[in-house]
Amino acid sequence: MAELKTKRTRASVSAFLKAIPDAGRRKDAMTVLRLMQTITKERPAMWGTSVVGFGVYHYRYASGQEGDWPLVGFSPRTSNLTVYIMPGFKQYGALMEKLGPHKTGVSCLYVRSLDDIHLPTLRELVRRSVRDMKQLVRERARPDTARRRRPSSRPRAVARSERDR
């Protein structure tokens, strides 16, 4: 099985953010950093070379692939700011309509600039996604006999928080 490339590192989040060449992108990254830190009450950590994450959960796919990933995170890319909303976006349709111009992938929200985004809506989206991921982790951590089994293409989340490390 292939080794995951994006793992938690000890690299400095502050140094990473200060090194962002574009002043607007750097300002947006600092805003999202404060927003996520306030919501999660977790310290930020670097994941790989370009993802800032908060909290951690362990996942396991039916294929046997497993790993750790942040509950929520972001990456200030050159072309856009990527926000990682791990539950995906289907259940957040009303919020997505109010957010402003954006694109999405499975769990990635792409925005060009926070100036175009309704920040209270982004804050609520992050808050709900963290709440929902924590709930998913709690549900998946229960013994199999305590819950109904149902097939899922989503990874199986295993309870593990930043405070457990």
N, C-alpha and C. Protein backbone atom coordinates (compact mmCIF):
# COMPACT_ATOMS: atom_id res chain seq x y z
N MET A 1 0.84 -1.18 0.00
CA MET A 1 0.00 0.00 0.00
C MET A 1 0.88 1.25 0.00
N ALA A 2 0.51 2.24 -0.75
CA ALA A 2 1.32 3.46 -0.87
C ALA A 2 1.34 4.25 0.43
N GLU A 3 2.48 4.82 0.72
CA GLU A 3 2.64 5.66 1.90
C GLU A 3 2.00 7.03 1.63
N LEU A 4 1.29 7.56 2.61
CA LEU A 4 0.67 8.87 2.46
C LEU A 4 1.73 9.96 2.41
N LYS A 5 1.56 10.91 1.50
CA LYS A 5 2.50 12.01 1.37
C LYS A 5 2.22 13.12 2.37
N THR A 6 0.96 13.35 2.66
CA THR A 6 0.59 14.47 3.52
C THR A 6 0.40 13.97 4.95
N LYS A 7 1.42 14.19 5.76
CA LYS A 7 1.39 13.80 7.16
C LYS A 7 1.68 15.03 8.01
N ARG A 8 1.28 14.93 9.25
CA ARG A 8 1.56 16.01 10.20
C ARG A 8 3.07 16.14 10.37
N THR A 9 3.54 17.39 10.39
CA THR A 9 4.96 17.65 10.56
C THR A 9 5.17 18.59 11.74
N ARG A 10 6.41 18.82 12.07
CA ARG A 10 6.76 19.76 13.14
C ARG A 10 7.13 21.14 12.58
N ALA A 11 6.92 21.34 11.30
CA ALA A 11 7.25 22.62 10.67
C ALA A 11 6.44 23.75 11.31
N SER A 12 6.99 24.94 11.26
CA SER A 12 6.36 26.10 11.87
C SER A 12 5.23 26.65 10.98
N VAL A 13 4.04 26.70 11.55
CA VAL A 13 2.90 27.30 10.85
C VAL A 13 3.17 28.78 10.63
N SER A 14 3.67 29.44 11.64
CA SER A 14 3.94 30.87 11.55
C SER A 14 4.94 31.18 10.44
N ALA A 15 6.02 30.42 10.36
CA ALA A 15 7.02 30.64 9.31
C ALA A 15 6.42 30.38 7.93
N PHE A 16 5.60 29.34 7.82
CA PHE A 16 4.95 29.03 6.55
C PHE A 16 4.07 30.19 6.10
N LEU A 17 3.25 30.71 7.01
CA LEU A 17 2.33 31.79 6.65
C LEU A 17 3.07 33.09 6.34
N LYS A 18 4.12 33.38 7.10
CA LYS A 18 4.91 34.60 6.84
C LYS A 18 5.60 34.55 5.49
N ALA A 19 5.86 33.35 4.99
CA ALA A 19 6.57 33.19 3.71
C ALA A 19 5.66 33.27 2.49
N ILE A 20 4.35 33.42 2.69
CA ILE A 20 3.43 33.54 1.55
C ILE A 20 3.75 34.85 0.83
N PRO A 21 4.14 34.78 -0.44
CA PRO A 21 4.60 35.99 -1.13
C PRO A 21 3.51 37.04 -1.38
N ASP A 22 2.30 36.61 -1.66
CA ASP A 22 1.22 37.55 -1.98
C ASP A 22 0.60 38.07 -0.68
N ALA A 23 0.61 39.39 -0.49
CA ALA A 23 0.11 40.00 0.74
C ALA A 23 -1.38 39.70 0.97
N GLY A 24 -2.17 39.72 -0.08
CA GLY A 24 -3.60 39.43 0.05
C GLY A 24 -3.86 38.00 0.47
N ARG A 25 -3.13 37.07 -0.14
CA ARG A 25 -3.28 35.65 0.21
C ARG A 25 -2.81 35.41 1.65
N ARG A 26 -1.73 36.09 2.05
CA ARG A 26 -1.21 35.97 3.41
C ARG A 26 -2.24 36.49 4.42
N LYS A 27 -2.87 37.63 4.11
CA LYS A 27 -3.91 38.20 4.98
C LYS A 27 -5.09 37.24 5.10
N ASP A 28 -5.53 36.67 3.98
CA ASP A 28 -6.63 35.70 4.00
C ASP A 28 -6.26 34.48 4.85
N ALA A 29 -5.03 34.00 4.70
CA ALA A 29 -4.59 32.83 5.46
C ALA A 29 -4.61 33.12 6.96
N MET A 30 -4.17 34.31 7.35
CA MET A 30 -4.17 34.67 8.77
C MET A 30 -5.60 34.77 9.31
N THR A 31 -6.51 35.27 8.48
CA THR A 31 -7.92 35.36 8.89
C THR A 31 -8.50 33.96 9.10
N VAL A 32 -8.25 33.06 8.16
CA VAL A 32 -8.77 31.69 8.28
C VAL A 32 -8.11 30.97 9.45
N LEU A 33 -6.83 31.22 9.68
CA LEU A 33 -6.13 30.64 10.83
C LEU A 33 -6.84 31.01 12.13
N ARG A 34 -7.11 32.31 12.31
CA ARG A 34 -7.78 32.76 13.54
C ARG A 34 -9.19 32.18 13.64
N LEU A 35 -9.91 32.16 12.53
CA LEU A 35 -11.27 31.63 12.51
C LEU A 35 -11.27 30.16 12.95
N MET A 36 -10.40 29.34 12.36
CA MET A 36 -10.37 27.91 12.68
C MET A 36 -9.86 27.65 14.09
N GLN A 37 -8.90 28.45 14.53
CA GLN A 37 -8.37 28.27 15.88
C GLN A 37 -9.45 28.60 16.91
N THR A 38 -10.22 29.63 16.67
CA THR A 38 -11.30 30.01 17.57
C THR A 38 -12.37 28.92 17.63
N ILE A 39 -12.73 28.38 16.49
CA ILE A 39 -13.79 27.36 16.44
C ILE A 39 -13.33 26.04 17.03
N THR A 40 -12.14 25.58 16.67
CA THR A 40 -11.69 24.25 17.10
C THR A 40 -11.08 24.26 18.50
N LYS A 41 -10.59 25.40 18.93
CA LYS A 41 -9.85 25.50 20.19
C LYS A 41 -8.61 24.59 20.17
N GLU A 42 -8.09 24.37 18.97
CA GLU A 42 -6.90 23.53 18.76
C GLU A 42 -5.76 24.40 18.24
N ARG A 43 -4.54 23.94 18.45
CA ARG A 43 -3.38 24.62 17.89
C ARG A 43 -3.20 24.18 16.45
N PRO A 44 -2.80 25.09 15.58
CA PRO A 44 -2.58 24.71 14.18
C PRO A 44 -1.32 23.85 14.05
N ALA A 45 -1.32 23.00 13.04
CA ALA A 45 -0.15 22.18 12.73
C ALA A 45 0.00 22.10 11.22
N MET A 46 1.23 21.97 10.78
CA MET A 46 1.49 21.77 9.35
C MET A 46 1.27 20.31 9.01
N TRP A 47 0.62 20.09 7.88
CA TRP A 47 0.40 18.76 7.32
C TRP A 47 1.05 18.80 5.95
N GLY A 48 2.11 18.04 5.79
CA GLY A 48 2.88 18.13 4.56
C GLY A 48 3.55 19.49 4.50
N THR A 49 3.73 19.99 3.30
CA THR A 49 4.44 21.27 3.14
C THR A 49 3.52 22.48 3.00
N SER A 50 2.19 22.25 2.82
CA SER A 50 1.36 23.41 2.52
C SER A 50 -0.05 23.39 3.11
N VAL A 51 -0.35 22.46 4.00
CA VAL A 51 -1.68 22.41 4.62
C VAL A 51 -1.55 22.76 6.09
N VAL A 52 -2.38 23.69 6.55
CA VAL A 52 -2.47 24.03 7.96
C VAL A 52 -3.73 23.35 8.48
N GLY A 53 -3.57 22.48 9.48
CA GLY A 53 -4.71 21.73 9.98
C GLY A 53 -4.94 21.92 11.46
N PHE A 54 -6.17 21.61 11.87
CA PHE A 54 -6.59 21.74 13.27
C PHE A 54 -7.25 20.45 13.70
N GLY A 55 -6.85 19.92 14.85
CA GLY A 55 -7.39 18.65 15.31
C GLY A 55 -6.87 17.53 14.43
N VAL A 56 -7.30 16.32 14.75
CA VAL A 56 -6.88 15.16 13.96
C VAL A 56 -7.90 14.05 14.15
N TYR A 57 -8.13 13.30 13.11
CA TYR A 57 -8.91 12.07 13.23
C TYR A 57 -8.20 11.00 12.43
N HIS A 58 -8.46 9.76 12.82
CA HIS A 58 -7.86 8.63 12.12
C HIS A 58 -8.94 8.03 11.23
N TYR A 59 -8.60 7.73 9.98
CA TYR A 59 -9.57 7.12 9.08
C TYR A 59 -9.04 5.79 8.59
N ARG A 60 -9.97 4.95 8.19
CA ARG A 60 -9.63 3.64 7.64
C ARG A 60 -10.64 3.32 6.55
N TYR A 61 -10.14 3.10 5.33
CA TYR A 61 -11.00 2.71 4.22
C TYR A 61 -11.19 1.20 4.23
N ALA A 62 -12.22 0.73 3.57
CA ALA A 62 -12.47 -0.71 3.44
C ALA A 62 -11.29 -1.40 2.76
N SER A 63 -10.56 -0.68 1.93
CA SER A 63 -9.41 -1.24 1.21
C SER A 63 -8.22 -1.53 2.13
N GLY A 64 -8.29 -1.02 3.36
CA GLY A 64 -7.18 -1.18 4.29
C GLY A 64 -6.33 0.07 4.40
N GLN A 65 -6.48 1.00 3.46
CA GLN A 65 -5.74 2.26 3.53
C GLN A 65 -6.20 3.02 4.77
N GLU A 66 -5.26 3.54 5.54
CA GLU A 66 -5.64 4.32 6.71
C GLU A 66 -4.62 5.41 6.95
N GLY A 67 -5.01 6.37 7.76
CA GLY A 67 -4.10 7.46 8.07
C GLY A 67 -4.77 8.47 8.97
N ASP A 68 -4.07 9.54 9.22
CA ASP A 68 -4.58 10.65 10.03
C ASP A 68 -4.77 11.86 9.13
N TRP A 69 -5.73 12.69 9.49
CA TRP A 69 -6.00 13.91 8.74
C TRP A 69 -6.62 14.92 9.70
N PRO A 70 -6.44 16.21 9.46
CA PRO A 70 -7.05 17.21 10.35
C PRO A 70 -8.58 17.22 10.24
N LEU A 71 -9.22 17.62 11.33
CA LEU A 71 -10.68 17.77 11.31
C LEU A 71 -11.09 18.86 10.32
N VAL A 72 -10.28 19.90 10.24
CA VAL A 72 -10.51 21.01 9.32
C VAL A 72 -9.14 21.64 9.04
N GLY A 73 -9.01 22.25 7.88
CA GLY A 73 -7.74 22.87 7.56
C GLY A 73 -7.85 23.75 6.33
N PHE A 74 -6.71 24.31 5.95
CA PHE A 74 -6.68 25.16 4.76
C PHE A 74 -5.28 25.16 4.16
N SER A 75 -5.22 25.59 2.91
CA SER A 75 -3.95 25.73 2.22
C SER A 75 -4.01 26.97 1.33
N PRO A 76 -3.12 27.92 1.56
CA PRO A 76 -3.10 29.13 0.73
C PRO A 76 -2.34 28.88 -0.57
N ARG A 77 -3.01 28.34 -1.56
CA ARG A 77 -2.38 28.02 -2.85
C ARG A 77 -2.21 29.30 -3.68
N THR A 78 -1.45 29.21 -4.73
CA THR A 78 -1.20 30.37 -5.58
C THR A 78 -2.48 30.89 -6.22
N SER A 79 -3.30 29.99 -6.76
CA SER A 79 -4.49 30.42 -7.50
C SER A 79 -5.72 30.63 -6.63
N ASN A 80 -5.74 30.02 -5.44
CA ASN A 80 -6.90 30.17 -4.56
C ASN A 80 -6.56 29.72 -3.15
N LEU A 81 -7.47 30.00 -2.25
CA LEU A 81 -7.37 29.52 -0.88
C LEU A 81 -8.23 28.26 -0.82
N THR A 82 -7.63 27.16 -0.42
CA THR A 82 -8.36 25.89 -0.32
C THR A 82 -8.69 25.65 1.14
N VAL A 83 -9.98 25.43 1.42
CA VAL A 83 -10.44 25.12 2.78
C VAL A 83 -10.92 23.67 2.76
N TYR A 84 -10.42 22.88 3.70
CA TYR A 84 -10.77 21.45 3.76
C TYR A 84 -11.94 21.26 4.72
N ILE A 85 -13.09 20.92 4.15
CA ILE A 85 -14.33 20.67 4.90
C ILE A 85 -14.57 19.17 4.80
N MET A 86 -14.14 18.41 5.78
CA MET A 86 -14.05 16.97 5.67
C MET A 86 -15.37 16.23 5.46
N PRO A 87 -16.49 16.68 5.99
CA PRO A 87 -17.73 15.95 5.70
C PRO A 87 -18.24 16.14 4.27
N GLY A 88 -17.62 17.02 3.50
CA GLY A 88 -18.15 17.34 2.18
C GLY A 88 -19.16 18.47 2.30
N PHE A 89 -19.97 18.69 1.25
CA PHE A 89 -20.81 19.88 1.21
C PHE A 89 -22.30 19.61 1.05
N LYS A 90 -22.69 18.37 0.80
CA LYS A 90 -24.10 18.08 0.50
C LYS A 90 -25.05 18.58 1.58
N GLN A 91 -24.69 18.39 2.83
CA GLN A 91 -25.60 18.78 3.92
C GLN A 91 -25.55 20.27 4.24
N TYR A 92 -24.72 21.01 3.53
CA TYR A 92 -24.58 22.44 3.82
C TYR A 92 -25.06 23.31 2.65
N GLY A 93 -26.01 22.83 1.89
CA GLY A 93 -26.47 23.53 0.70
C GLY A 93 -26.90 24.97 0.94
N ALA A 94 -27.67 25.21 1.99
CA ALA A 94 -28.15 26.57 2.26
C ALA A 94 -26.98 27.51 2.56
N LEU A 95 -26.01 27.02 3.31
CA LEU A 95 -24.83 27.85 3.60
C LEU A 95 -24.03 28.12 2.33
N MET A 96 -23.89 27.11 1.50
CA MET A 96 -23.09 27.25 0.28
C MET A 96 -23.69 28.32 -0.64
N GLU A 97 -25.01 28.42 -0.65
CA GLU A 97 -25.68 29.42 -1.48
C GLU A 97 -25.38 30.84 -1.00
N LYS A 98 -25.18 31.01 0.31
CA LYS A 98 -24.93 32.34 0.88
C LYS A 98 -23.45 32.70 0.93
N LEU A 99 -22.57 31.75 0.64
CA LEU A 99 -21.14 31.93 0.84
C LEU A 99 -20.50 32.97 -0.08
N GLY A 100 -20.93 33.01 -1.32
CA GLY A 100 -20.27 33.87 -2.29
C GLY A 100 -19.58 33.00 -3.34
N PRO A 101 -18.85 33.60 -4.27
CA PRO A 101 -18.24 32.84 -5.36
C PRO A 101 -17.21 31.83 -4.85
N HIS A 102 -17.39 30.58 -5.27
CA HIS A 102 -16.50 29.50 -4.84
C HIS A 102 -16.65 28.32 -5.78
N LYS A 103 -15.75 27.37 -5.65
CA LYS A 103 -15.85 26.07 -6.31
C LYS A 103 -15.61 25.02 -5.25
N THR A 104 -16.07 23.80 -5.52
CA THR A 104 -15.85 22.73 -4.55
C THR A 104 -15.35 21.47 -5.23
N GLY A 105 -14.61 20.68 -4.47
CA GLY A 105 -14.27 19.31 -4.80
C GLY A 105 -14.99 18.46 -3.77
N VAL A 106 -14.60 17.23 -3.59
CA VAL A 106 -15.28 16.35 -2.63
C VAL A 106 -15.29 16.97 -1.23
N SER A 107 -14.14 17.36 -0.74
CA SER A 107 -14.03 17.98 0.58
C SER A 107 -13.26 19.29 0.54
N CYS A 108 -13.07 19.84 -0.64
CA CYS A 108 -12.28 21.06 -0.80
C CYS A 108 -13.16 22.22 -1.26
N LEU A 109 -13.02 23.33 -0.57
CA LEU A 109 -13.69 24.57 -0.94
C LEU A 109 -12.61 25.50 -1.48
N TYR A 110 -12.79 25.98 -2.70
CA TYR A 110 -11.82 26.86 -3.33
C TYR A 110 -12.39 28.26 -3.43
N VAL A 111 -11.70 29.24 -2.87
CA VAL A 111 -12.12 30.64 -2.98
C VAL A 111 -10.93 31.47 -3.45
N ARG A 112 -11.20 32.45 -4.28
CA ARG A 112 -10.11 33.31 -4.78
C ARG A 112 -9.64 34.28 -3.71
N SER A 113 -10.60 34.88 -3.01
CA SER A 113 -10.26 35.88 -2.00
C SER A 113 -11.37 35.92 -0.95
N LEU A 114 -10.99 36.13 0.29
CA LEU A 114 -12.00 36.26 1.34
C LEU A 114 -12.80 37.55 1.18
N ASP A 115 -12.28 38.50 0.42
CA ASP A 115 -13.02 39.73 0.15
C ASP A 115 -14.34 39.45 -0.57
N ASP A 116 -14.39 38.34 -1.31
CA ASP A 116 -15.58 37.97 -2.07
C ASP A 116 -16.53 37.06 -1.29
N ILE A 117 -16.11 36.62 -0.12
CA ILE A 117 -16.84 35.61 0.65
C ILE A 117 -17.55 36.25 1.83
N HIS A 118 -18.73 35.74 2.15
CA HIS A 118 -19.47 36.18 3.33
C HIS A 118 -18.86 35.46 4.54
N LEU A 119 -18.00 36.16 5.28
CA LEU A 119 -17.23 35.53 6.36
C LEU A 119 -18.09 34.89 7.45
N PRO A 120 -19.20 35.49 7.87
CA PRO A 120 -20.03 34.80 8.87
C PRO A 120 -20.53 33.44 8.36
N THR A 121 -20.79 33.34 7.07
CA THR A 121 -21.22 32.06 6.49
C THR A 121 -20.07 31.07 6.48
N LEU A 122 -18.87 31.51 6.13
CA LEU A 122 -17.70 30.62 6.18
C LEU A 122 -17.47 30.14 7.61
N ARG A 123 -17.58 31.04 8.56
CA ARG A 123 -17.42 30.68 9.98
C ARG A 123 -18.42 29.60 10.37
N GLU A 124 -19.67 29.77 9.97
CA GLU A 124 -20.71 28.79 10.30
C GLU A 124 -20.46 27.46 9.59
N LEU A 125 -20.00 27.50 8.36
CA LEU A 125 -19.67 26.29 7.62
C LEU A 125 -18.56 25.51 8.33
N VAL A 126 -17.52 26.20 8.74
CA VAL A 126 -16.42 25.55 9.46
C VAL A 126 -16.92 25.00 10.79
N ARG A 127 -17.70 25.79 11.52
CA ARG A 127 -18.23 25.35 12.82
C ARG A 127 -19.04 24.07 12.67
N ARG A 128 -19.96 24.06 11.71
CA ARG A 128 -20.80 22.87 11.51
C ARG A 128 -19.99 21.67 11.05
N SER A 129 -19.03 21.90 10.18
CA SER A 129 -18.24 20.77 9.68
C SER A 129 -17.42 20.14 10.80
N VAL A 130 -16.86 20.96 11.68
CA VAL A 130 -16.10 20.43 12.82
C VAL A 130 -17.04 19.67 13.75
N ARG A 131 -18.20 20.24 14.02
CA ARG A 131 -19.19 19.56 14.86
C ARG A 131 -19.57 18.22 14.25
N ASP A 132 -19.84 18.21 12.95
CA ASP A 132 -20.26 16.98 12.28
C ASP A 132 -19.15 15.94 12.23
N MET A 133 -17.91 16.37 12.04
CA MET A 133 -16.79 15.42 12.04
C MET A 133 -16.59 14.82 13.42
N LYS A 134 -16.70 15.63 14.45
CA LYS A 134 -16.56 15.11 15.82
C LYS A 134 -17.66 14.10 16.11
N GLN A 135 -18.87 14.39 15.65
CA GLN A 135 -19.99 13.46 15.83
C GLN A 135 -19.72 12.16 15.07
N LEU A 136 -19.23 12.25 13.85
CA LEU A 136 -18.91 11.07 13.05
C LEU A 136 -17.84 10.23 13.74
N VAL A 137 -16.82 10.88 14.27
CA VAL A 137 -15.76 10.17 14.99
C VAL A 137 -16.34 9.45 16.20
N ARG A 138 -17.21 10.12 16.95
CA ARG A 138 -17.84 9.47 18.12
C ARG A 138 -18.67 8.26 17.70
N GLU A 139 -19.46 8.42 16.64
CA GLU A 139 -20.31 7.32 16.18
C GLU A 139 -19.48 6.14 15.70
N ARG A 140 -18.43 6.42 14.96
CA ARG A 140 -17.61 5.35 14.41
C ARG A 140 -16.73 4.69 15.47
N ALA A 141 -16.54 5.35 16.60
CA ALA A 141 -15.71 4.79 17.66
C ALA A 141 -16.49 3.79 18.52
N ARG A 142 -17.81 3.83 18.44
CA ARG A 142 -18.61 2.88 19.22
C ARG A 142 -18.38 1.48 18.70
N PRO A 143 -18.53 0.48 19.57
CA PRO A 143 -18.39 -0.91 19.10
C PRO A 143 -19.39 -1.21 18.00
N ASP A 144 -18.99 -2.06 17.06
CA ASP A 144 -19.86 -2.41 15.92
C ASP A 144 -21.21 -2.93 16.36
N THR A 145 -21.29 -3.59 17.49
CA THR A 145 -22.57 -4.15 17.94
C THR A 145 -23.53 -3.07 18.41
N ALA A 146 -23.02 -1.87 18.70
CA ALA A 146 -23.87 -0.80 19.20
C ALA A 146 -24.47 0.05 18.09
N ARG A 147 -24.14 -0.25 16.86
CA ARG A 147 -24.69 0.54 15.76
C ARG A 147 -24.99 -0.36 14.57
N ARG A 148 -25.88 0.11 13.73
CA ARG A 148 -26.19 -0.64 12.51
C ARG A 148 -25.05 -0.48 11.53
N ARG A 149 -24.73 -1.55 10.85
CA ARG A 149 -23.68 -1.50 9.83
C ARG A 149 -24.31 -1.05 8.52
N ARG A 150 -23.68 -0.16 7.84
CA ARG A 150 -24.15 0.24 6.52
C ARG A 150 -22.93 0.53 5.66
N PRO A 151 -23.00 0.15 4.42
CA PRO A 151 -21.86 0.41 3.55
C PRO A 151 -21.65 1.90 3.35
N SER A 152 -20.42 2.29 3.24
CA SER A 152 -20.11 3.70 3.06
C SER A 152 -18.85 3.85 2.24
N SER A 153 -18.86 4.84 1.37
CA SER A 153 -17.65 5.13 0.61
C SER A 153 -16.77 6.11 1.38
N ARG A 154 -17.32 6.69 2.45
CA ARG A 154 -16.55 7.62 3.28
C ARG A 154 -15.60 6.82 4.16
N PRO A 155 -14.47 7.38 4.51
CA PRO A 155 -13.56 6.66 5.39
C PRO A 155 -14.17 6.46 6.77
N ARG A 156 -13.77 5.38 7.41
CA ARG A 156 -14.22 5.11 8.77
C ARG A 156 -13.36 5.94 9.70
N ALA A 157 -13.96 6.87 10.41
CA ALA A 157 -13.22 7.73 11.33
C ALA A 157 -13.08 7.03 12.67
N VAL A 158 -11.92 7.12 13.25
CA VAL A 158 -11.64 6.51 14.54
C VAL A 158 -11.35 7.63 15.52
N ALA A 159 -11.94 7.53 16.71
CA ALA A 159 -11.79 8.59 17.70
C ALA A 159 -10.33 8.83 18.04
N ARG A 160 -9.92 10.07 17.94
CA ARG A 160 -8.58 10.47 18.31
C ARG A 160 -8.54 11.98 18.23
N SER A 161 -8.18 12.61 19.30
CA SER A 161 -8.14 14.06 19.25
C SER A 161 -6.73 14.54 19.48
N GLU A 162 -6.54 15.79 19.26
CA GLU A 162 -5.25 16.44 19.46
C GLU A 162 -4.79 16.23 20.90
N ARG A 163 -5.71 16.22 21.81
CA ARG A 163 -5.36 16.09 23.22
C ARG A 163 -4.92 14.68 23.58
N ASP A 164 -5.21 13.69 22.71
CA ASP A 164 -4.79 12.31 22.96
C ASP A 164 -3.33 12.09 22.63
N ARG A 165 -2.71 13.02 21.94
CA ARG A 165 -1.33 12.83 21.47
C ARG A 165 -0.34 13.08 22.55
